Amino acid sequence: MPHGDVEALASTGFDLRRNASRTSGFEPLPVPGGFRVQHGPRRGSLDVRVNRVLGAASYEVQITQGDPTSELDWKHAMTSVTASRIRLNDLPPTQSFWVRVRAVGSGGNGLWTEPVNIIVV
């Protein structure tokens, strides 16, 4: 069958065109952009921010003091319904932490940001 034979393709019963903005519902939410971690206003706190992700109902934050490439080392820190005002409190000062964030929507968990390392003050 030649590439692009519309009659042959139509006989298969599959849709010939799809709206490029539609997804099958199985794709995870994308990695949140604009990810940054800064020292918070109080000792032992961090401010985490990401850009809002379309379709996200919340954002999950995880931290680790271990190997950031080991999934077993990551621990849930908090879930936030906002992307711009995420604050982690009561962290031990002078300790180094890796932080990552993902969007969570009705279809499940999104993709993680690349981890960022910061020393809590």
Protein backbone atom coordinates (compact mmCIF):
# COMPACT_ATOMS: atom_id res chain seq x y z
CA MET A 1 0.00 0.00 0.00
CA PRO A 2 1.50 3.38 -0.94
CA HIS A 3 2.10 5.83 1.90
CA GLY A 4 -0.93 8.08 2.33
CA ASP A 5 -3.43 5.94 0.31
CA VAL A 6 -6.58 7.51 1.79
CA GLU A 7 -9.02 4.89 0.44
CA ALA A 8 -6.98 2.02 1.87
CA LEU A 9 -6.60 3.81 5.18
CA ALA A 10 -10.34 4.61 5.35
CA SER A 11 -11.18 0.93 4.90
CA THR A 12 -9.35 0.05 8.13
CA GLY A 13 -11.99 1.69 10.33
CA PHE A 14 -9.42 3.87 12.10
CA ASP A 15 -9.77 7.65 12.30
CA LEU A 16 -7.76 9.33 9.58
CA ARG A 17 -7.25 12.59 11.45
CA ARG A 18 -7.01 13.49 15.08
CA ASN A 19 -6.93 16.83 16.75
CA ALA A 20 -3.28 17.29 17.75
CA SER A 21 -4.26 18.84 21.09
CA ARG A 22 -6.30 15.80 22.16
CA THR A 23 -4.63 13.00 24.05
CA SER A 24 -5.67 9.43 24.59
CA GLY A 25 -5.91 10.07 28.33
CA PHE A 26 -2.93 7.84 29.05
CA GLU A 27 -0.18 10.42 28.68
CA PRO A 28 1.16 11.70 31.98
CA LEU A 29 1.04 15.40 32.71
CA PRO A 30 4.21 17.15 31.54
CA VAL A 31 7.11 18.20 33.73
CA PRO A 32 6.22 21.50 35.40
CA GLY A 33 8.29 24.35 33.98
CA GLY A 34 9.86 27.18 35.91
CA PHE A 35 10.92 24.94 38.79
CA ARG A 36 12.89 26.77 41.48
CA VAL A 37 13.69 26.27 45.13
CA GLN A 38 14.67 29.17 47.40
CA HIS A 39 15.26 29.70 51.09
CA GLY A 40 12.01 30.47 52.91
CA PRO A 41 11.33 33.40 55.21
CA ARG A 42 11.93 31.38 58.38
CA ARG A 43 14.83 29.26 59.51
CA GLY A 44 14.40 25.69 58.29
CA SER A 45 11.99 26.55 55.46
CA LEU A 46 12.13 26.34 51.66
CA ASP A 47 9.91 27.97 49.05
CA VAL A 48 9.21 25.79 46.03
CA ARG A 49 7.62 27.13 42.85
CA VAL A 50 6.68 25.78 39.46
CA ASN A 51 4.59 27.07 36.60
CA ARG A 52 0.98 25.93 36.60
CA VAL A 53 0.33 22.78 34.53
CA LEU A 54 -2.91 22.58 32.55
CA GLY A 55 -4.97 19.70 33.95
CA ALA A 56 -3.19 19.57 37.30
CA ALA A 57 -5.33 19.35 40.43
CA SER A 58 -2.35 19.43 42.77
CA TYR A 59 1.43 19.28 42.96
CA GLU A 60 3.43 16.68 44.86
CA VAL A 61 6.78 17.60 46.40
CA GLN A 62 9.35 15.01 47.40
CA ILE A 63 12.69 15.43 49.15
CA THR A 64 15.74 13.30 49.84
CA GLN A 65 19.06 13.64 51.56
CA GLY A 66 20.25 10.48 49.85
CA ASP A 67 21.02 9.58 46.27
CA PRO A 68 18.63 11.52 44.00
CA THR A 69 18.92 8.82 41.32
CA SER A 70 17.49 6.18 43.69
CA GLU A 71 13.68 6.16 43.74
CA LEU A 72 13.76 4.43 47.13
CA ASP A 73 15.46 7.43 48.75
CA TRP A 74 12.69 9.92 47.88
CA LYS A 75 10.12 10.80 50.58
CA HIS A 76 6.81 12.60 50.23
CA ALA A 77 7.15 16.11 51.68
CA MET A 78 3.75 17.62 50.86
CA THR A 79 0.93 18.02 48.37
CA SER A 80 -0.16 21.51 47.36
CA VAL A 81 -3.15 22.70 45.33
CA THR A 82 -1.15 25.71 44.17
CA ALA A 83 2.02 25.86 42.09
CA SER A 84 3.23 29.24 43.27
CA ARG A 85 3.05 29.06 47.06
CA ILE A 86 4.59 25.79 48.20
CA ARG A 87 6.47 26.06 51.48
CA LEU A 88 8.36 23.28 53.22
CA ASN A 89 8.79 23.97 56.94
CA ASP A 90 10.61 22.41 59.87
CA LEU A 91 13.60 21.16 57.89
CA PRO A 92 16.87 20.83 59.81
CA PRO A 93 19.15 23.84 59.15
CA THR A 94 22.59 23.28 57.59
CA GLN A 95 21.35 20.07 55.96
CA SER A 96 21.46 19.47 52.20
CA PHE A 97 18.25 18.36 50.49
CA TRP A 98 17.29 17.36 46.97
CA VAL A 99 13.81 18.56 45.96
CA ARG A 100 11.55 17.58 43.04
CA VAL A 101 7.94 18.30 42.01
CA ARG A 102 5.30 16.75 39.77
CA ALA A 103 1.78 17.68 38.78
CA VAL A 104 -1.07 15.35 39.68
CA GLY A 105 -4.32 15.31 37.71
CA SER A 106 -7.43 13.22 37.31
CA GLY A 107 -5.50 10.88 35.01
CA GLY A 108 -2.74 10.27 37.55
CA ASN A 109 0.74 11.47 38.33
CA GLY A 110 2.77 13.64 35.99
CA LEU A 111 6.47 13.60 35.24
CA TRP A 112 9.02 14.76 37.82
CA THR A 113 11.14 17.88 37.50
CA GLU A 114 14.89 17.42 37.52
CA PRO A 115 15.93 17.46 41.20
CA VAL A 116 17.46 20.61 42.68
CA ASN A 117 19.92 20.52 45.58
CA ILE A 118 19.85 23.19 48.30
CA ILE A 119 21.29 23.63 51.79
CA VAL A 120 18.63 24.69 54.29
CA VAL A 121 19.50 27.75 56.37
